[in-house]
Amino acid sequence: MTDLFLVAEVAVENTVYHFDKLYDYIIPSDSAEFAKAGCRVMISFGRGSLRQGMIMSLHKTDDITGLKKISELLDKEPVLSEELLLLAKSM
């Protein structure tokens, strides 16, 4: 049996290219209980600069090759509702 890892699809602030692209990040096991779509996170982006992002969705995978971990979960409850997340995705 293979281990499954919880992965967040994150919208990252201030991305010059691919502003409409989501990036996958591993959710650390100590944050998995609180990580939900609509929560803000700090992530290492590009060459290591820390940026804020928003979890848009979650999924599980057994292949985490090349993925970075979320540095910090900023919220224990979502700051965006499901309706606002759907609106953001449609824009």
PDB file of N, CA and C in Angstrom:
ATOM      1  N   MET A   1       0.837  -1.183   0.000  1.00  0.00           N
ATOM      2  CA  MET A   1       0.000   0.000   0.000  1.00  0.00           C
ATOM      3  C   MET A   1       0.884   1.249   0.000  1.00  0.00           C
ATOM      4  N   THR A   2       0.566   2.205  -0.868  1.00  0.00           N
ATOM      5  CA  THR A   2       1.353   3.424  -0.939  1.00  0.00           C
ATOM      6  C   THR A   2       0.715   4.514  -0.088  1.00  0.00           C
ATOM      7  N   ASP A   3       1.558   5.392   0.426  1.00  0.00           N
ATOM      8  CA  ASP A   3       1.067   6.519   1.214  1.00  0.00           C
ATOM      9  C   ASP A   3       0.473   7.575   0.297  1.00  0.00           C
ATOM     10  N   LEU A   4      -0.624   8.164   0.730  1.00  0.00           N
ATOM     11  CA  LEU A   4      -1.216   9.278   0.006  1.00  0.00           C
ATOM     12  C   LEU A   4      -0.912  10.564   0.757  1.00  0.00           C
ATOM     13  N   PHE A   5      -0.562  11.582   0.024  1.00  0.00           N
ATOM     14  CA  PHE A   5      -0.220  12.881   0.592  1.00  0.00           C
ATOM     15  C   PHE A   5      -1.310  13.873   0.224  1.00  0.00           C
ATOM     16  N   LEU A   6      -1.630  14.777   1.158  1.00  0.00           N
ATOM     17  CA  LEU A   6      -2.605  15.820   0.910  1.00  0.00           C
ATOM     18  C   LEU A   6      -1.903  16.984   0.212  1.00  0.00           C
ATOM     19  N   VAL A   7      -2.449  17.388  -0.918  1.00  0.00           N
ATOM     20  CA  VAL A   7      -1.847  18.438  -1.737  1.00  0.00           C
ATOM     21  C   VAL A   7      -2.866  19.552  -1.947  1.00  0.00           C
ATOM     22  N   ALA A   8      -2.395  20.785  -1.857  1.00  0.00           N
ATOM     23  CA  ALA A   8      -3.243  21.958  -2.083  1.00  0.00           C
ATOM     24  C   ALA A   8      -2.933  22.558  -3.439  1.00  0.00           C
ATOM     25  N   GLU A   9      -3.979  22.935  -4.161  1.00  0.00           N
ATOM     26  CA  GLU A   9      -3.823  23.740  -5.368  1.00  0.00           C
ATOM     27  C   GLU A   9      -3.925  25.184  -4.915  1.00  0.00           C
ATOM     28  N   VAL A  10      -2.829  25.933  -5.104  1.00  0.00           N
ATOM     29  CA  VAL A  10      -2.714  27.268  -4.522  1.00  0.00           C
ATOM     30  C   VAL A  10      -2.651  28.333  -5.615  1.00  0.00           C
ATOM     31  N   ALA A  11      -3.464  29.379  -5.444  1.00  0.00           N
ATOM     32  CA  ALA A  11      -3.362  30.584  -6.265  1.00  0.00           C
ATOM     33  C   ALA A  11      -2.346  31.481  -5.557  1.00  0.00           C
ATOM     34  N   VAL A  12      -1.274  31.844  -6.259  1.00  0.00           N
ATOM     35  CA  VAL A  12      -0.165  32.578  -5.653  1.00  0.00           C
ATOM     36  C   VAL A  12      -0.255  34.057  -6.021  1.00  0.00           C
ATOM     37  N   GLU A  13      -0.050  34.929  -5.011  1.00  0.00           N
ATOM     38  CA  GLU A  13      -0.113  36.371  -5.253  1.00  0.00           C
ATOM     39  C   GLU A  13       1.082  36.839  -6.075  1.00  0.00           C
ATOM     40  N   ASN A  14       0.871  37.882  -6.851  1.00  0.00           N
ATOM     41  CA  ASN A  14       1.927  38.582  -7.598  1.00  0.00           C
ATOM     42  C   ASN A  14       2.745  37.687  -8.524  1.00  0.00           C
ATOM     43  N   THR A  15       2.096  36.780  -9.212  1.00  0.00           N
ATOM     44  CA  THR A  15       2.814  36.005 -10.216  1.00  0.00           C
ATOM     45  C   THR A  15       2.761  36.773 -11.522  1.00  0.00           C
ATOM     46  N   VAL A  16       3.914  37.019 -12.104  1.00  0.00           N
ATOM     47  CA  VAL A  16       3.986  37.810 -13.323  1.00  0.00           C
ATOM     48  C   VAL A  16       3.429  37.023 -14.501  1.00  0.00           C
ATOM     49  N   TYR A  17       3.870  35.801 -14.629  1.00  0.00           N
ATOM     50  CA  TYR A  17       3.401  34.950 -15.702  1.00  0.00           C
ATOM     51  C   TYR A  17       2.410  33.949 -15.132  1.00  0.00           C
ATOM     52  N   HIS A  18       1.494  33.505 -15.930  1.00  0.00           N
ATOM     53  CA  HIS A  18       0.523  32.483 -15.525  1.00  0.00           C
ATOM     54  C   HIS A  18      -0.261  32.897 -14.287  1.00  0.00           C
ATOM     55  N   PHE A  19      -0.778  34.129 -14.283  1.00  0.00           N
ATOM     56  CA  PHE A  19      -1.523  34.595 -13.118  1.00  0.00           C
ATOM     57  C   PHE A  19      -2.785  33.782 -12.864  1.00  0.00           C
ATOM     58  N   ASP A  20      -3.232  33.031 -13.863  1.00  0.00           N
ATOM     59  CA  ASP A  20      -4.434  32.224 -13.684  1.00  0.00           C
ATOM     60  C   ASP A  20      -4.121  30.748 -13.443  1.00  0.00           C
ATOM     61  N   LYS A  21      -2.870  30.440 -13.179  1.00  0.00           N
ATOM     62  CA  LYS A  21      -2.440  29.055 -12.966  1.00  0.00           C
ATOM     63  C   LYS A  21      -2.413  28.746 -11.473  1.00  0.00           C
ATOM     64  N   LEU A  22      -2.789  27.517 -11.135  1.00  0.00           N
ATOM     65  CA  LEU A  22      -2.690  27.052  -9.748  1.00  0.00           C
ATOM     66  C   LEU A  22      -1.435  26.204  -9.607  1.00  0.00           C
ATOM     67  N   TYR A  23      -0.819  26.257  -8.447  1.00  0.00           N
ATOM     68  CA  TYR A  23       0.412  25.529  -8.173  1.00  0.00           C
ATOM     69  C   TYR A  23       0.172  24.546  -7.037  1.00  0.00           C
ATOM     70  N   ASP A  24       0.696  23.332  -7.184  1.00  0.00           N
ATOM     71  CA  ASP A  24       0.518  22.285  -6.176  1.00  0.00           C
ATOM     72  C   ASP A  24       1.587  22.365  -5.099  1.00  0.00           C
ATOM     73  N   TYR A  25       1.146  22.273  -3.839  1.00  0.00           N
ATOM     74  CA  TYR A  25       2.031  22.267  -2.679  1.00  0.00           C
ATOM     75  C   TYR A  25       1.575  21.190  -1.709  1.00  0.00           C
ATOM     76  N   ILE A  26       2.535  20.513  -1.101  1.00  0.00           N
ATOM     77  CA  ILE A  26       2.239  19.489  -0.103  1.00  0.00           C
ATOM     78  C   ILE A  26       1.824  20.179   1.195  1.00  0.00           C
ATOM     79  N   ILE A  27       0.782  19.669   1.804  1.00  0.00           N
ATOM     80  CA  ILE A  27       0.350  20.188   3.104  1.00  0.00           C
ATOM     81  C   ILE A  27       1.052  19.380   4.185  1.00  0.00           C
ATOM     82  N   PRO A  28       1.837  20.027   5.046  1.00  0.00           N
ATOM     83  CA  PRO A  28       2.510  19.299   6.130  1.00  0.00           C
ATOM     84  C   PRO A  28       1.489  18.594   7.021  1.00  0.00           C
ATOM     85  N   SER A  29       1.858  17.453   7.540  1.00  0.00           N
ATOM     86  CA  SER A  29       0.926  16.651   8.342  1.00  0.00           C
ATOM     87  C   SER A  29       0.396  17.409   9.557  1.00  0.00           C
ATOM     88  N   ASP A  30       1.189  18.313  10.137  1.00  0.00           N
ATOM     89  CA  ASP A  30       0.720  19.059  11.311  1.00  0.00           C
ATOM     90  C   ASP A  30      -0.297  20.146  10.956  1.00  0.00           C
ATOM     91  N   SER A  31      -0.465  20.438   9.668  1.00  0.00           N
ATOM     92  CA  SER A  31      -1.441  21.443   9.224  1.00  0.00           C
ATOM     93  C   SER A  31      -2.642  20.821   8.524  1.00  0.00           C
ATOM     94  N   ALA A  32      -2.588  19.530   8.261  1.00  0.00           N
ATOM     95  CA  ALA A  32      -3.619  18.872   7.451  1.00  0.00           C
ATOM     96  C   ALA A  32      -5.012  19.003   8.057  1.00  0.00           C
ATOM     97  N   GLU A  33      -5.100  18.997   9.369  1.00  0.00           N
ATOM     98  CA  GLU A  33      -6.399  19.079  10.040  1.00  0.00           C
ATOM     99  C   GLU A  33      -7.123  20.391   9.729  1.00  0.00           C
ATOM    100  N   PHE A  34      -6.370  21.480   9.569  1.00  0.00           N
ATOM    101  CA  PHE A  34      -6.960  22.809   9.398  1.00  0.00           C
ATOM    102  C   PHE A  34      -6.961  23.295   7.954  1.00  0.00           C
ATOM    103  N   ALA A  35      -6.178  22.689   7.079  1.00  0.00           N
ATOM    104  CA  ALA A  35      -6.077  23.149   5.698  1.00  0.00           C
ATOM    105  C   ALA A  35      -7.380  22.881   4.945  1.00  0.00           C
ATOM    106  N   LYS A  36      -7.967  23.957   4.443  1.00  0.00           N
ATOM    107  CA  LYS A  36      -9.220  23.863   3.698  1.00  0.00           C
ATOM    108  C   LYS A  36      -9.167  24.860   2.549  1.00  0.00           C
ATOM    109  N   ALA A  37      -9.968  24.604   1.534  1.00  0.00           N
ATOM    110  CA  ALA A  37     -10.101  25.582   0.461  1.00  0.00           C
ATOM    111  C   ALA A  37     -10.593  26.885   1.064  1.00  0.00           C
ATOM    112  N   GLY A  38      -9.962  27.995   0.672  1.00  0.00           N
ATOM    113  CA  GLY A  38     -10.322  29.298   1.213  1.00  0.00           C
ATOM    114  C   GLY A  38      -9.395  29.788   2.303  1.00  0.00           C
ATOM    115  N   CYS A  39      -8.424  28.964   2.711  1.00  0.00           N
ATOM    116  CA  CYS A  39      -7.441  29.368   3.721  1.00  0.00           C
ATOM    117  C   CYS A  39      -6.212  29.963   3.033  1.00  0.00           C
ATOM    118  N   ARG A  40      -5.604  30.944   3.696  1.00  0.00           N
ATOM    119  CA  ARG A  40      -4.374  31.546   3.180  1.00  0.00           C
ATOM    120  C   ARG A  40      -3.151  30.765   3.671  1.00  0.00           C
ATOM    121  N   VAL A  41      -2.112  30.746   2.837  1.00  0.00           N
ATOM    122  CA  VAL A  41      -0.875  30.047   3.169  1.00  0.00           C
ATOM    123  C   VAL A  41       0.323  30.888   2.752  1.00  0.00           C
ATOM    124  N   MET A  42       1.460  30.604   3.353  1.00  0.00           N
ATOM    125  CA  MET A  42       2.736  31.152   2.903  1.00  0.00           C
ATOM    126  C   MET A  42       3.472  30.007   2.218  1.00  0.00           C
ATOM    127  N   ILE A  43       3.998  30.305   1.027  1.00  0.00           N
ATOM    128  CA  ILE A  43       4.700  29.276   0.266  1.00  0.00           C
ATOM    129  C   ILE A  43       6.002  29.846  -0.281  1.00  0.00           C
ATOM    130  N   SER A  44       6.947  28.954  -0.527  1.00  0.00           N
ATOM    131  CA  SER A  44       8.184  29.319  -1.200  1.00  0.00           C
ATOM    132  C   SER A  44       7.903  29.242  -2.694  1.00  0.00           C
ATOM    133  N   PHE A  45       8.124  30.347  -3.402  1.00  0.00           N
ATOM    134  CA  PHE A  45       7.782  30.403  -4.820  1.00  0.00           C
ATOM    135  C   PHE A  45       9.003  30.807  -5.636  1.00  0.00           C
ATOM    136  N   GLY A  46       9.161  30.171  -6.756  1.00  0.00           N
ATOM    137  CA  GLY A  46      10.286  30.501  -7.632  1.00  0.00           C
ATOM    138  C   GLY A  46      11.609  30.144  -6.990  1.00  0.00           C
ATOM    139  N   ARG A  47      12.467  31.121  -6.877  1.00  0.00           N
ATOM    140  CA  ARG A  47      13.805  30.883  -6.324  1.00  0.00           C
ATOM    141  C   ARG A  47      13.851  31.067  -4.817  1.00  0.00           C
ATOM    142  N   GLY A  48      12.749  30.760  -4.151  1.00  0.00           N
ATOM    143  CA  GLY A  48      12.759  30.761  -2.694  1.00  0.00           C
ATOM    144  C   GLY A  48      12.100  31.934  -2.023  1.00  0.00           C
ATOM    145  N   SER A  49      11.577  32.896  -2.803  1.00  0.00           N
ATOM    146  CA  SER A  49      10.915  34.017  -2.140  1.00  0.00           C
ATOM    147  C   SER A  49       9.599  33.538  -1.529  1.00  0.00           C
ATOM    148  N   LEU A  50       9.293  34.040  -0.340  1.00  0.00           N
ATOM    149  CA  LEU A  50       8.037  33.680   0.330  1.00  0.00           C
ATOM    150  C   LEU A  50       6.921  34.555  -0.212  1.00  0.00           C
ATOM    151  N   ARG A  51       5.820  33.893  -0.546  1.00  0.00           N
ATOM    152  CA  ARG A  51       4.642  34.606  -1.038  1.00  0.00           C
ATOM    153  C   ARG A  51       3.404  34.051  -0.370  1.00  0.00           C
ATOM    154  N   GLN A  52       2.398  34.888  -0.339  1.00  0.00           N
ATOM    155  CA  GLN A  52       1.117  34.450   0.190  1.00  0.00           C
ATOM    156  C   GLN A  52       0.301  33.835  -0.934  1.00  0.00           C
ATOM    157  N   GLY A  53      -0.473  32.835  -0.594  1.00  0.00           N
ATOM    158  CA  GLY A  53      -1.351  32.204  -1.562  1.00  0.00           C
ATOM    159  C   GLY A  53      -2.658  31.815  -0.909  1.00  0.00           C
ATOM    160  N   MET A  54      -3.589  31.370  -1.734  1.00  0.00           N
ATOM    161  CA  MET A  54      -4.910  30.945  -1.278  1.00  0.00           C
ATOM    162  C   MET A  54      -5.134  29.514  -1.741  1.00  0.00           C
ATOM    163  N   ILE A  55      -5.508  28.640  -0.805  1.00  0.00           N
ATOM    164  CA  ILE A  55      -5.840  27.271  -1.185  1.00  0.00           C
ATOM    165  C   ILE A  55      -7.172  27.316  -1.938  1.00  0.00           C
ATOM    166  N   MET A  56      -7.141  26.839  -3.186  1.00  0.00           N
ATOM    167  CA  MET A  56      -8.355  26.818  -4.003  1.00  0.00           C
ATOM    168  C   MET A  56      -9.051  25.461  -3.938  1.00  0.00           C
ATOM    169  N   SER A  57      -8.256  24.402  -3.798  1.00  0.00           N
ATOM    170  CA  SER A  57      -8.828  23.058  -3.666  1.00  0.00           C
ATOM    171  C   SER A  57      -7.769  22.123  -3.096  1.00  0.00           C
ATOM    172  N   LEU A  58      -8.209  20.945  -2.686  1.00  0.00           N
ATOM    173  CA  LEU A  58      -7.331  19.924  -2.103  1.00  0.00           C
ATOM    174  C   LEU A  58      -7.531  18.612  -2.835  1.00  0.00           C
ATOM    175  N   HIS A  59      -6.475  17.837  -2.913  1.00  0.00           N
ATOM    176  CA  HIS A  59      -6.583  16.473  -3.434  1.00  0.00           C
ATOM    177  C   HIS A  59      -5.479  15.625  -2.817  1.00  0.00           C
ATOM    178  N   LYS A  60      -5.616  14.318  -2.957  1.00  0.00           N
ATOM    179  CA  LYS A  60      -4.598  13.391  -2.446  1.00  0.00           C
ATOM    180  C   LYS A  60      -3.868  12.761  -3.622  1.00  0.00           C
ATOM    181  N   THR A  61      -2.577  12.508  -3.416  1.00  0.00           N
ATOM    182  CA  THR A  61      -1.765  11.879  -4.443  1.00  0.00           C
ATOM    183  C   THR A  61      -0.671  11.052  -3.788  1.00  0.00           C
ATOM    184  N   ASP A  62      -0.164  10.094  -4.538  1.00  0.00           N
ATOM    185  CA  ASP A  62       0.974   9.317  -4.040  1.00  0.00           C
ATOM    186  C   ASP A  62       2.276   9.781  -4.686  1.00  0.00           C
ATOM    187  N   ASP A  63       2.187  10.681  -5.675  1.00  0.00           N
ATOM    188  CA  ASP A  63       3.372  11.172  -6.377  1.00  0.00           C
ATOM    189  C   ASP A  63       3.585  12.646  -6.050  1.00  0.00           C
ATOM    190  N   ILE A  64       4.567  12.926  -5.199  1.00  0.00           N
ATOM    191  CA  ILE A  64       4.859  14.308  -4.814  1.00  0.00           C
ATOM    192  C   ILE A  64       6.217  14.761  -5.346  1.00  0.00           C
ATOM    193  N   THR A  65       6.675  14.095  -6.381  1.00  0.00           N
ATOM    194  CA  THR A  65       7.955  14.422  -6.994  1.00  0.00           C
ATOM    195  C   THR A  65       7.976  15.891  -7.421  1.00  0.00           C
ATOM    196  N   GLY A  66       8.968  16.623  -6.949  1.00  0.00           N
ATOM    197  CA  GLY A  66       9.155  18.018  -7.334  1.00  0.00           C
ATOM    198  C   GLY A  66       8.267  19.018  -6.616  1.00  0.00           C
ATOM    199  N   LEU A  67       7.410  18.560  -5.724  1.00  0.00           N
ATOM    200  CA  LEU A  67       6.528  19.488  -5.014  1.00  0.00           C
ATOM    201  C   LEU A  67       7.184  20.011  -3.743  1.00  0.00           C
ATOM    202  N   LYS A  68       6.933  21.273  -3.448  1.00  0.00           N
ATOM    203  CA  LYS A  68       7.404  21.885  -2.212  1.00  0.00           C
ATOM    204  C   LYS A  68       6.294  21.813  -1.168  1.00  0.00           C
ATOM    205  N   LYS A  69       6.701  21.972   0.097  1.00  0.00           N
ATOM    206  CA  LYS A  69       5.727  21.999   1.190  1.00  0.00           C
ATOM    207  C   LYS A  69       5.273  23.428   1.442  1.00  0.00           C
ATOM    208  N   ILE A  70       4.041  23.540   1.908  1.00  0.00           N
ATOM    209  CA  ILE A  70       3.545  24.828   2.373  1.00  0.00           C
ATOM    210  C   ILE A  70       4.383  25.229   3.580  1.00  0.00           C
ATOM    211  N   SER A  71       4.846  26.473   3.610  1.00  0.00           N
ATOM    212  CA  SER A  71       5.679  26.951   4.721  1.00  0.00           C
ATOM    213  C   SER A  71       4.869  27.210   5.975  1.00  0.00           C
ATOM    214  N   GLU A  72       3.677  27.787   5.787  1.00  0.00           N
ATOM    215  CA  GLU A  72       2.856  28.132   6.954  1.00  0.00           C
ATOM    216  C   GLU A  72       1.396  28.247   6.538  1.00  0.00           C
ATOM    217  N   LEU A  73       0.530  27.696   7.343  1.00  0.00           N
ATOM    218  CA  LEU A  73      -0.906  27.864   7.171  1.00  0.00           C
ATOM    219  C   LEU A  73      -1.307  29.086   7.993  1.00  0.00           C
ATOM    220  N   LEU A  74      -1.852  30.113   7.344  1.00  0.00           N
ATOM    221  CA  LEU A  74      -2.138  31.372   8.027  1.00  0.00           C
ATOM    222  C   LEU A  74      -3.500  31.402   8.713  1.00  0.00           C
ATOM    223  N   ASP A  75      -4.423  30.538   8.279  1.00  0.00           N
ATOM    224  CA  ASP A  75      -5.778  30.543   8.831  1.00  0.00           C
ATOM    225  C   ASP A  75      -6.170  29.139   9.274  1.00  0.00           C
ATOM    226  N   LYS A  76      -6.904  29.054  10.372  1.00  0.00           N
ATOM    227  CA  LYS A  76      -7.439  27.760  10.822  1.00  0.00           C
ATOM    228  C   LYS A  76      -8.861  27.560  10.322  1.00  0.00           C
ATOM    229  N   GLU A  77      -9.450  28.599   9.783  1.00  0.00           N
ATOM    230  CA  GLU A  77     -10.772  28.563   9.165  1.00  0.00           C
ATOM    231  C   GLU A  77     -10.676  29.317   7.840  1.00  0.00           C
ATOM    232  N   PRO A  78     -11.427  28.906   6.825  1.00  0.00           N
ATOM    233  CA  PRO A  78     -11.382  29.606   5.530  1.00  0.00           C
ATOM    234  C   PRO A  78     -11.804  31.072   5.655  1.00  0.00           C
ATOM    235  N   VAL A  79     -11.102  31.947   4.925  1.00  0.00           N
ATOM    236  CA  VAL A  79     -11.473  33.361   4.879  1.00  0.00           C
ATOM    237  C   VAL A  79     -12.321  33.651   3.643  1.00  0.00           C
ATOM    238  N   LEU A  80     -12.373  32.715   2.701  1.00  0.00           N
ATOM    239  CA  LEU A  80     -13.249  32.823   1.540  1.00  0.00           C
ATOM    240  C   LEU A  80     -14.266  31.691   1.581  1.00  0.00           C
ATOM    241  N   SER A  81     -15.507  32.020   1.298  1.00  0.00           N
ATOM    242  CA  SER A  81     -16.565  31.020   1.263  1.00  0.00           C
ATOM    243  C   SER A  81     -16.487  30.217  -0.037  1.00  0.00           C
ATOM    244  N   GLU A  82     -17.255  29.126  -0.105  1.00  0.00           N
ATOM    245  CA  GLU A  82     -17.320  28.326  -1.324  1.00  0.00           C
ATOM    246  C   GLU A  82     -17.802  29.163  -2.501  1.00  0.00           C
ATOM    247  N   GLU A  83     -18.768  30.037  -2.253  1.00  0.00           N
ATOM    248  CA  GLU A  83     -19.303  30.888  -3.310  1.00  0.00           C
ATOM    249  C   GLU A  83     -18.230  31.828  -3.867  1.00  0.00           C
ATOM    250  N   LEU A  84     -17.421  32.411  -2.981  1.00  0.00           N
ATOM    251  CA  LEU A  84     -16.352  33.309  -3.440  1.00  0.00           C
ATOM    252  C   LEU A  84     -15.259  32.546  -4.186  1.00  0.00           C
ATOM    253  N   LEU A  85     -14.966  31.322  -3.745  1.00  0.00           N
ATOM    254  CA  LEU A  85     -13.987  30.499  -4.460  1.00  0.00           C
ATOM    255  C   LEU A  85     -14.488  30.159  -5.862  1.00  0.00           C
ATOM    256  N   LEU A  86     -15.767  29.829  -5.992  1.00  0.00           N
ATOM    257  CA  LEU A  86     -16.350  29.544  -7.308  1.00  0.00           C
ATOM    258  C   LEU A  86     -16.316  30.790  -8.189  1.00  0.00           C
ATOM    259  N   LEU A  87     -16.595  31.944  -7.610  1.00  0.00           N
ATOM    260  CA  LEU A  87     -16.530  33.199  -8.367  1.00  0.00           C
ATOM    261  C   LEU A  87     -15.106  33.441  -8.862  1.00  0.00           C
ATOM    262  N   ALA A  88     -14.129  33.266  -7.986  1.00  0.00           N
ATOM    263  CA  ALA A  88     -12.721  33.463  -8.360  1.00  0.00           C
ATOM    264  C   ALA A  88     -12.316  32.521  -9.486  1.00  0.00           C
ATOM    265  N   LYS A  89     -12.746  31.266  -9.430  1.00  0.00           N
ATOM    266  CA  LYS A  89     -12.401  30.300 -10.471  1.00  0.00           C
ATOM    267  C   LYS A  89     -13.037  30.672 -11.809  1.00  0.00           C
ATOM    268  N   SER A  90     -14.236  31.241 -11.780  1.00  0.00           N
ATOM    269  CA  SER A  90     -14.914  31.574 -13.028  1.00  0.00           C
ATOM    270  C   SER A  90     -14.356  32.844 -13.667  1.00  0.00           C
ATOM    271  N   MET A  91     -13.666  33.660 -12.883  1.00  0.00           N
ATOM    272  CA  MET A  91     -13.099  34.904 -13.418  1.00  0.00           C
ATOM    273  C   MET A  91     -11.853  34.547 -14.140  1.00  0.00           C
TER     274      MET A  91
END
